[in-house]
């Protein structure tokens, strides 16, 4: 099972786009958690991983996407293929 965390801010339009893409690709083999960097918990977790940009996608403890929303990176992280390719 993959563990995916999305570090986001409420005021970030790209964060909302990333969330929408991730939720649309989720399957039963993925555990997904959203972490708001605007909260004390979120700030602490982001600092532990050296995250300073949102959205940031973390898969199994490793940062795989920062700042930009890349549908291919998200699909690979979740282990699904894009039907349009």
PDB file of N, CA and C in Angstrom:
ATOM      1  N   UNK A   1       0.841  -1.178   0.000  1.00  0.00           N
ATOM      2  CA  UNK A   1       0.000   0.000   0.000  1.00  0.00           C
ATOM      3  C   UNK A   1       0.889   1.245   0.000  1.00  0.00           C
ATOM      4  N   UNK A   2       0.528   2.197  -0.825  1.00  0.00           N
ATOM      5  CA  UNK A   2       1.257   3.464  -0.893  1.00  0.00           C
ATOM      6  C   UNK A   2       0.614   4.460   0.061  1.00  0.00           C
ATOM      7  N   UNK A   3       1.463   5.288   0.658  1.00  0.00           N
ATOM      8  CA  UNK A   3       1.006   6.331   1.557  1.00  0.00           C
ATOM      9  C   UNK A   3       1.347   7.669   0.913  1.00  0.00           C
ATOM     10  N   UNK A   4       0.322   8.437   0.578  1.00  0.00           N
ATOM     11  CA  UNK A   4       0.501   9.693  -0.132  1.00  0.00           C
ATOM     12  C   UNK A   4       0.007  10.846   0.723  1.00  0.00           C
ATOM     13  N   UNK A   5       0.852  11.882   0.816  1.00  0.00           N
ATOM     14  CA  UNK A   5       0.479  13.095   1.538  1.00  0.00           C
ATOM     15  C   UNK A   5       0.530  14.266   0.570  1.00  0.00           C
ATOM     16  N   UNK A   6      -0.491  15.109   0.626  1.00  0.00           N
ATOM     17  CA  UNK A   6      -0.515  16.341  -0.143  1.00  0.00           C
ATOM     18  C   UNK A   6      -0.411  17.492   0.840  1.00  0.00           C
ATOM     19  N   UNK A   7       0.684  18.232   0.751  1.00  0.00           N
ATOM     20  CA  UNK A   7       0.868  19.428   1.565  1.00  0.00           C
ATOM     21  C   UNK A   7       0.289  20.586   0.769  1.00  0.00           C
ATOM     22  N   UNK A   8      -0.633  21.330   1.395  1.00  0.00           N
ATOM     23  CA  UNK A   8      -1.371  22.353   0.667  1.00  0.00           C
ATOM     24  C   UNK A   8      -1.647  23.569   1.540  1.00  0.00           C
ATOM     25  N   UNK A   9      -2.113  24.630   0.887  1.00  0.00           N
ATOM     26  CA  UNK A   9      -2.585  25.835   1.548  1.00  0.00           C
ATOM     27  C   UNK A   9      -3.992  26.112   1.031  1.00  0.00           C
ATOM     28  N   UNK A  10      -4.849  26.601   1.904  1.00  0.00           N
ATOM     29  CA  UNK A  10      -6.224  26.909   1.505  1.00  0.00           C
ATOM     30  C   UNK A  10      -6.301  27.950   0.394  1.00  0.00           C
ATOM     31  N   UNK A  11      -5.325  28.837   0.318  1.00  0.00           N
ATOM     32  CA  UNK A  11      -5.366  29.943  -0.644  1.00  0.00           C
ATOM     33  C   UNK A  11      -4.644  29.637  -1.959  1.00  0.00           C
ATOM     34  N   UNK A  12      -4.194  28.416  -2.131  1.00  0.00           N
ATOM     35  CA  UNK A  12      -3.407  28.032  -3.304  1.00  0.00           C
ATOM     36  C   UNK A  12      -4.279  27.342  -4.356  1.00  0.00           C
ATOM     37  N   UNK A  13      -4.518  27.995  -5.514  1.00  0.00           N
ATOM     38  CA  UNK A  13      -5.336  27.378  -6.561  1.00  0.00           C
ATOM     39  C   UNK A  13      -4.714  26.082  -7.102  1.00  0.00           C
ATOM     40  N   UNK A  14      -3.386  26.030  -7.239  1.00  0.00           N
ATOM     41  CA  UNK A  14      -2.744  24.804  -7.724  1.00  0.00           C
ATOM     42  C   UNK A  14      -2.929  23.647  -6.747  1.00  0.00           C
ATOM     43  N   UNK A  15      -3.002  23.954  -5.465  1.00  0.00           N
ATOM     44  CA  UNK A  15      -3.217  22.918  -4.456  1.00  0.00           C
ATOM     45  C   UNK A  15      -4.580  22.257  -4.655  1.00  0.00           C
ATOM     46  N   UNK A  16      -5.584  23.080  -4.939  1.00  0.00           N
ATOM     47  CA  UNK A  16      -6.929  22.544  -5.161  1.00  0.00           C
ATOM     48  C   UNK A  16      -6.975  21.690  -6.432  1.00  0.00           C
ATOM     49  N   UNK A  17      -6.231  22.111  -7.462  1.00  0.00           N
ATOM     50  CA  UNK A  17      -6.157  21.339  -8.700  1.00  0.00           C
ATOM     51  C   UNK A  17      -5.469  19.991  -8.435  1.00  0.00           C
ATOM     52  N   UNK A  18      -4.383  20.019  -7.674  1.00  0.00           N
ATOM     53  CA  UNK A  18      -3.663  18.783  -7.352  1.00  0.00           C
ATOM     54  C   UNK A  18      -4.567  17.830  -6.586  1.00  0.00           C
ATOM     55  N   UNK A  19      -5.290  18.349  -5.606  1.00  0.00           N
ATOM     56  CA  UNK A  19      -6.195  17.515  -4.813  1.00  0.00           C
ATOM     57  C   UNK A  19      -7.253  16.856  -5.701  1.00  0.00           C
ATOM     58  N   UNK A  20      -7.833  17.644  -6.597  1.00  0.00           N
ATOM     59  CA  UNK A  20      -8.868  17.114  -7.495  1.00  0.00           C
ATOM     60  C   UNK A  20      -8.313  15.967  -8.350  1.00  0.00           C
ATOM     61  N   UNK A  21      -7.110  16.143  -8.891  1.00  0.00           N
ATOM     62  CA  UNK A  21      -6.485  15.089  -9.700  1.00  0.00           C
ATOM     63  C   UNK A  21      -6.209  13.839  -8.863  1.00  0.00           C
ATOM     64  N   UNK A  22      -5.653  14.042  -7.682  1.00  0.00           N
ATOM     65  CA  UNK A  22      -5.323  12.899  -6.816  1.00  0.00           C
ATOM     66  C   UNK A  22      -6.580  12.128  -6.447  1.00  0.00           C
ATOM     67  N   UNK A  23      -7.598  12.826  -5.979  1.00  0.00           N
ATOM     68  CA  UNK A  23      -8.836  12.162  -5.562  1.00  0.00           C
ATOM     69  C   UNK A  23      -9.456  11.397  -6.725  1.00  0.00           C
ATOM     70  N   UNK A  24      -9.350  11.945  -7.931  1.00  0.00           N
ATOM     71  CA  UNK A  24      -9.895  11.277  -9.110  1.00  0.00           C
ATOM     72  C   UNK A  24      -9.148  10.012  -9.501  1.00  0.00           C
ATOM     73  N   UNK A  25      -7.916   9.845  -9.014  1.00  0.00           N
ATOM     74  CA  UNK A  25      -7.097   8.685  -9.368  1.00  0.00           C
ATOM     75  C   UNK A  25      -6.955   7.663  -8.241  1.00  0.00           C
ATOM     76  N   UNK A  26      -7.448   7.987  -7.067  1.00  0.00           N
ATOM     77  CA  UNK A  26      -7.241   7.092  -5.920  1.00  0.00           C
ATOM     78  C   UNK A  26      -7.826   5.705  -6.156  1.00  0.00           C
ATOM     79  N   UNK A  27      -7.176   4.745  -5.570  1.00  0.00           N
ATOM     80  CA  UNK A  27      -7.678   3.377  -5.595  1.00  0.00           C
ATOM     81  C   UNK A  27      -7.495   2.778  -4.206  1.00  0.00           C
ATOM     82  N   UNK A  28      -7.916   1.550  -4.030  1.00  0.00           N
ATOM     83  CA  UNK A  28      -7.880   0.915  -2.710  1.00  0.00           C
ATOM     84  C   UNK A  28      -6.471   0.616  -2.207  1.00  0.00           C
ATOM     85  N   UNK A  29      -5.471   0.775  -3.050  1.00  0.00           N
ATOM     86  CA  UNK A  29      -4.089   0.490  -2.655  1.00  0.00           C
ATOM     87  C   UNK A  29      -3.341   1.749  -2.209  1.00  0.00           C
ATOM     88  N   UNK A  30      -4.081   2.853  -2.054  1.00  0.00           N
ATOM     89  CA  UNK A  30      -3.465   4.127  -1.696  1.00  0.00           C
ATOM     90  C   UNK A  30      -4.133   4.689  -0.447  1.00  0.00           C
ATOM     91  N   UNK A  31      -3.308   5.085   0.502  1.00  0.00           N
ATOM     92  CA  UNK A  31      -3.778   5.797   1.683  1.00  0.00           C
ATOM     93  C   UNK A  31      -3.418   7.263   1.473  1.00  0.00           C
ATOM     94  N   UNK A  32      -4.411   8.136   1.428  1.00  0.00           N
ATOM     95  CA  UNK A  32      -4.211   9.542   1.088  1.00  0.00           C
ATOM     96  C   UNK A  32      -4.515  10.431   2.278  1.00  0.00           C
ATOM     97  N   UNK A  33      -3.593  11.371   2.534  1.00  0.00           N
ATOM     98  CA  UNK A  33      -3.766  12.314   3.634  1.00  0.00           C
ATOM     99  C   UNK A  33      -3.436  13.712   3.137  1.00  0.00           C
ATOM    100  N   UNK A  34      -4.289  14.673   3.479  1.00  0.00           N
ATOM    101  CA  UNK A  34      -4.062  16.067   3.143  1.00  0.00           C
ATOM    102  C   UNK A  34      -3.525  16.782   4.385  1.00  0.00           C
ATOM    103  N   UNK A  35      -2.474  17.573   4.203  1.00  0.00           N
ATOM    104  CA  UNK A  35      -1.870  18.280   5.323  1.00  0.00           C
ATOM    105  C   UNK A  35      -1.816  19.764   4.995  1.00  0.00           C
ATOM    106  N   UNK A  36      -2.563  20.543   5.765  1.00  0.00           N
ATOM    107  CA  UNK A  36      -2.651  21.989   5.568  1.00  0.00           C
ATOM    108  C   UNK A  36      -1.471  22.655   6.263  1.00  0.00           C
ATOM    109  N   UNK A  37      -0.614  23.311   5.484  1.00  0.00           N
ATOM    110  CA  UNK A  37       0.569  23.961   6.048  1.00  0.00           C
ATOM    111  C   UNK A  37       0.212  25.225   6.821  1.00  0.00           C
ATOM    112  N   UNK A  38      -1.045  25.597   6.824  1.00  0.00           N
ATOM    113  CA  UNK A  38      -1.509  26.748   7.587  1.00  0.00           C
ATOM    114  C   UNK A  38      -1.830  26.410   9.034  1.00  0.00           C
ATOM    115  N   UNK A  39      -1.708  25.142   9.408  1.00  0.00           N
ATOM    116  CA  UNK A  39      -1.950  24.717  10.788  1.00  0.00           C
ATOM    117  C   UNK A  39      -0.617  24.438  11.472  1.00  0.00           C
ATOM    118  N   UNK A  40      -0.613  24.412  12.788  1.00  0.00           N
ATOM    119  CA  UNK A  40       0.620  24.111  13.531  1.00  0.00           C
ATOM    120  C   UNK A  40       1.153  22.728  13.159  1.00  0.00           C
ATOM    121  N   UNK A  41       0.259  21.741  13.104  1.00  0.00           N
ATOM    122  CA  UNK A  41       0.664  20.380  12.731  1.00  0.00           C
ATOM    123  C   UNK A  41       1.271  20.375  11.331  1.00  0.00           C
ATOM    124  N   UNK A  42       0.590  21.018  10.390  1.00  0.00           N
ATOM    125  CA  UNK A  42       1.065  21.059   9.008  1.00  0.00           C
ATOM    126  C   UNK A  42       2.410  21.757   8.869  1.00  0.00           C
ATOM    127  N   UNK A  43       2.581  22.873   9.579  1.00  0.00           N
ATOM    128  CA  UNK A  43       3.861  23.583   9.549  1.00  0.00           C
ATOM    129  C   UNK A  43       4.988  22.694  10.060  1.00  0.00           C
ATOM    130  N   UNK A  44       4.728  22.010  11.162  1.00  0.00           N
ATOM    131  CA  UNK A  44       5.750  21.137  11.761  1.00  0.00           C
ATOM    132  C   UNK A  44       6.122  20.003  10.810  1.00  0.00           C
ATOM    133  N   UNK A  45       5.115  19.332  10.259  1.00  0.00           N
ATOM    134  CA  UNK A  45       5.372  18.223   9.326  1.00  0.00           C
ATOM    135  C   UNK A  45       6.134  18.714   8.089  1.00  0.00           C
ATOM    136  N   UNK A  46       5.743  19.874   7.550  1.00  0.00           N
ATOM    137  CA  UNK A  46       6.405  20.419   6.367  1.00  0.00           C
ATOM    138  C   UNK A  46       7.864  20.753   6.674  1.00  0.00           C
ATOM    139  N   UNK A  47       8.114  21.344   7.820  1.00  0.00           N
ATOM    140  CA  UNK A  47       9.485  21.676   8.202  1.00  0.00           C
ATOM    141  C   UNK A  47      10.342  20.426   8.345  1.00  0.00           C
ATOM    142  N   UNK A  48       9.770  19.359   8.895  1.00  0.00           N
ATOM    143  CA  UNK A  48      10.507  18.099   9.058  1.00  0.00           C
ATOM    144  C   UNK A  48      10.990  17.548   7.722  1.00  0.00           C
ATOM    145  N   UNK A  49      10.198  17.762   6.671  1.00  0.00           N
ATOM    146  CA  UNK A  49      10.549  17.258   5.341  1.00  0.00           C
ATOM    147  C   UNK A  49      11.235  18.313   4.473  1.00  0.00           C
ATOM    148  N   UNK A  50      11.412  19.516   5.000  1.00  0.00           N
ATOM    149  CA  UNK A  50      12.038  20.580   4.225  1.00  0.00           C
ATOM    150  C   UNK A  50      11.144  21.121   3.130  1.00  0.00           C
ATOM    151  N   UNK A  51       9.848  21.111   3.358  1.00  0.00           N
ATOM    152  CA  UNK A  51       8.881  21.584   2.367  1.00  0.00           C
ATOM    153  C   UNK A  51       8.631  23.070   2.586  1.00  0.00           C
ATOM    154  N   UNK A  52       8.862  23.859   1.526  1.00  0.00           N
ATOM    155  CA  UNK A  52       8.652  25.298   1.585  1.00  0.00           C
ATOM    156  C   UNK A  52       7.728  25.778   0.479  1.00  0.00           C
ATOM    157  N   UNK A  53       7.298  24.883  -0.396  1.00  0.00           N
ATOM    158  CA  UNK A  53       6.468  25.233  -1.550  1.00  0.00           C
ATOM    159  C   UNK A  53       5.244  24.318  -1.547  1.00  0.00           C
ATOM    160  N   UNK A  54       4.093  24.893  -1.898  1.00  0.00           N
ATOM    161  CA  UNK A  54       2.891  24.082  -2.055  1.00  0.00           C
ATOM    162  C   UNK A  54       2.357  24.272  -3.461  1.00  0.00           C
ATOM    163  N   UNK A  55       1.701  23.282  -4.023  1.00  0.00           N
ATOM    164  CA  UNK A  55       1.475  21.963  -3.440  1.00  0.00           C
ATOM    165  C   UNK A  55       2.750  21.116  -3.485  1.00  0.00           C
ATOM    166  N   UNK A  56       2.858  20.251  -2.510  1.00  0.00           N
ATOM    167  CA  UNK A  56       3.938  19.266  -2.493  1.00  0.00           C
ATOM    168  C   UNK A  56       3.318  17.899  -2.279  1.00  0.00           C
ATOM    169  N   UNK A  57       3.719  16.963  -3.104  1.00  0.00           N
ATOM    170  CA  UNK A  57       3.226  15.588  -3.015  1.00  0.00           C
ATOM    171  C   UNK A  57       4.343  14.711  -2.466  1.00  0.00           C
ATOM    172  N   UNK A  58       4.031  13.981  -1.401  1.00  0.00           N
ATOM    173  CA  UNK A  58       4.992  13.094  -0.753  1.00  0.00           C
ATOM    174  C   UNK A  58       4.448  11.678  -0.845  1.00  0.00           C
ATOM    175  N   UNK A  59       5.269  10.776  -1.356  1.00  0.00           N
ATOM    176  CA  UNK A  59       4.872   9.378  -1.494  1.00  0.00           C
ATOM    177  C   UNK A  59       5.823   8.528  -0.663  1.00  0.00           C
ATOM    178  N   UNK A  60       5.250   7.800   0.272  1.00  0.00           N
ATOM    179  CA  UNK A  60       6.035   6.931   1.157  1.00  0.00           C
ATOM    180  C   UNK A  60       7.236   7.667   1.754  1.00  0.00           C
ATOM    181  N   UNK A  61       7.013   8.930   2.177  1.00  0.00           N
ATOM    182  CA  UNK A  61       8.045   9.712   2.835  1.00  0.00           C
ATOM    183  C   UNK A  61       9.002  10.452   1.925  1.00  0.00           C
ATOM    184  N   UNK A  62       8.842  10.319   0.607  1.00  0.00           N
ATOM    185  CA  UNK A  62       9.737  10.966  -0.356  1.00  0.00           C
ATOM    186  C   UNK A  62       8.988  12.019  -1.168  1.00  0.00           C
ATOM    187  N   UNK A  63       9.543  13.224  -1.238  1.00  0.00           N
ATOM    188  CA  UNK A  63       8.942  14.302  -2.022  1.00  0.00           C
ATOM    189  C   UNK A  63       9.068  13.958  -3.502  1.00  0.00           C
ATOM    190  N   UNK A  64       7.929  13.944  -4.220  1.00  0.00           N
ATOM    191  CA  UNK A  64       7.953  13.608  -5.648  1.00  0.00           C
ATOM    192  C   UNK A  64       7.454  14.742  -6.544  1.00  0.00           C
ATOM    193  N   UNK A  65       6.808  15.753  -5.956  1.00  0.00           N
ATOM    194  CA  UNK A  65       6.315  16.869  -6.754  1.00  0.00           C
ATOM    195  C   UNK A  65       6.230  18.105  -5.873  1.00  0.00           C
ATOM    196  N   UNK A  66       6.810  19.211  -6.365  1.00  0.00           N
ATOM    197  CA  UNK A  66       6.766  20.468  -5.619  1.00  0.00           C
ATOM    198  C   UNK A  66       6.356  21.616  -6.524  1.00  0.00           C
ATOM    199  N   UNK A  67       5.410  22.402  -6.048  1.00  0.00           N
ATOM    200  CA  UNK A  67       5.073  23.646  -6.727  1.00  0.00           C
ATOM    201  C   UNK A  67       4.180  23.536  -7.936  1.00  0.00           C
ATOM    202  N   UNK A  68       4.524  22.707  -8.862  1.00  0.00           N
ATOM    203  CA  UNK A  68       3.720  22.540 -10.073  1.00  0.00           C
ATOM    204  C   UNK A  68       2.826  21.314  -9.935  1.00  0.00           C
ATOM    205  N   UNK A  69       1.743  21.333 -10.671  1.00  0.00           N
ATOM    206  CA  UNK A  69       0.856  20.177 -10.698  1.00  0.00           C
ATOM    207  C   UNK A  69       1.141  19.428 -11.989  1.00  0.00           C
ATOM    208  N   UNK A  70       1.618  18.198 -11.856  1.00  0.00           N
ATOM    209  CA  UNK A  70       1.968  17.377 -13.008  1.00  0.00           C
ATOM    210  C   UNK A  70       1.155  16.090 -12.945  1.00  0.00           C
ATOM    211  N   UNK A  71       0.178  15.975 -13.839  1.00  0.00           N
ATOM    212  CA  UNK A  71      -0.726  14.828 -13.834  1.00  0.00           C
ATOM    213  C   UNK A  71       0.019  13.504 -14.002  1.00  0.00           C
ATOM    214  N   UNK A  72       1.075  13.489 -14.805  1.00  0.00           N
ATOM    215  CA  UNK A  72       1.849  12.256 -15.014  1.00  0.00           C
ATOM    216  C   UNK A  72       2.580  11.837 -13.748  1.00  0.00           C
ATOM    217  N   UNK A  73       3.130  12.803 -13.024  1.00  0.00           N
ATOM    218  CA  UNK A  73       3.811  12.496 -11.762  1.00  0.00           C
ATOM    219  C   UNK A  73       2.809  11.945 -10.753  1.00  0.00           C
ATOM    220  N   UNK A  74       1.634  12.559 -10.686  1.00  0.00           N
ATOM    221  CA  UNK A  74       0.596  12.091  -9.765  1.00  0.00           C
ATOM    222  C   UNK A  74       0.164  10.676 -10.126  1.00  0.00           C
ATOM    223  N   UNK A  75      -0.073  10.429 -11.406  1.00  0.00           N
ATOM    224  CA  UNK A  75      -0.492   9.096 -11.844  1.00  0.00           C
ATOM    225  C   UNK A  75       0.563   8.040 -11.513  1.00  0.00           C
ATOM    226  N   UNK A  76       1.820   8.370 -11.748  1.00  0.00           N
ATOM    227  CA  UNK A  76       2.902   7.436 -11.440  1.00  0.00           C
ATOM    228  C   UNK A  76       2.975   7.178  -9.933  1.00  0.00           C
ATOM    229  N   UNK A  77       2.803   8.230  -9.157  1.00  0.00           N
ATOM    230  CA  UNK A  77       2.853   8.097  -7.697  1.00  0.00           C
ATOM    231  C   UNK A  77       1.755   7.182  -7.180  1.00  0.00           C
ATOM    232  N   UNK A  78       0.613   7.237  -7.834  1.00  0.00           N
ATOM    233  CA  UNK A  78      -0.527   6.425  -7.401  1.00  0.00           C
ATOM    234  C   UNK A  78      -0.548   5.066  -8.101  1.00  0.00           C
ATOM    235  N   UNK A  79       0.378   4.873  -9.048  1.00  0.00           N
ATOM    236  CA  UNK A  79       0.467   3.620  -9.799  1.00  0.00           C
ATOM    237  C   UNK A  79      -0.744   3.356 -10.678  1.00  0.00           C
ATOM    238  N   UNK A  80      -1.159   4.381 -11.382  1.00  0.00           N
ATOM    239  CA  UNK A  80      -2.227   4.209 -12.379  1.00  0.00           C
ATOM    240  C   UNK A  80      -1.701   4.767 -13.684  1.00  0.00           C
ATOM    241  N   UNK A  81      -2.299   4.364 -14.768  1.00  0.00           N
ATOM    242  CA  UNK A  81      -1.908   4.909 -16.060  1.00  0.00           C
ATOM    243  C   UNK A  81      -2.982   5.850 -16.559  1.00  0.00           C
ATOM    244  N   UNK A  82      -2.571   6.852 -17.265  1.00  0.00           N
ATOM    245  CA  UNK A  82      -3.497   7.812 -17.839  1.00  0.00           C
ATOM    246  C   UNK A  82      -4.059   7.203 -19.123  1.00  0.00           C
ATOM    247  N   UNK A  83      -5.372   7.113 -19.211  1.00  0.00           N
ATOM    248  CA  UNK A  83      -6.011   6.495 -20.388  1.00  0.00           C
ATOM    249  C   UNK A  83      -5.784   7.303 -21.658  1.00  0.00           C
ATOM    250  N   UNK A  84      -5.401   8.563 -21.544  1.00  0.00           N
ATOM    251  CA  UNK A  84      -5.185   9.411 -22.727  1.00  0.00           C
ATOM    252  C   UNK A  84      -3.821   9.206 -23.356  1.00  0.00           C
ATOM    253  N   UNK A  85      -2.948   8.452 -22.725  1.00  0.00           N
ATOM    254  CA  UNK A  85      -1.606   8.254 -23.278  1.00  0.00           C
ATOM    255  C   UNK A  85      -1.567   7.086 -24.230  1.00  0.00           C
TER     256      UNK A  85
END
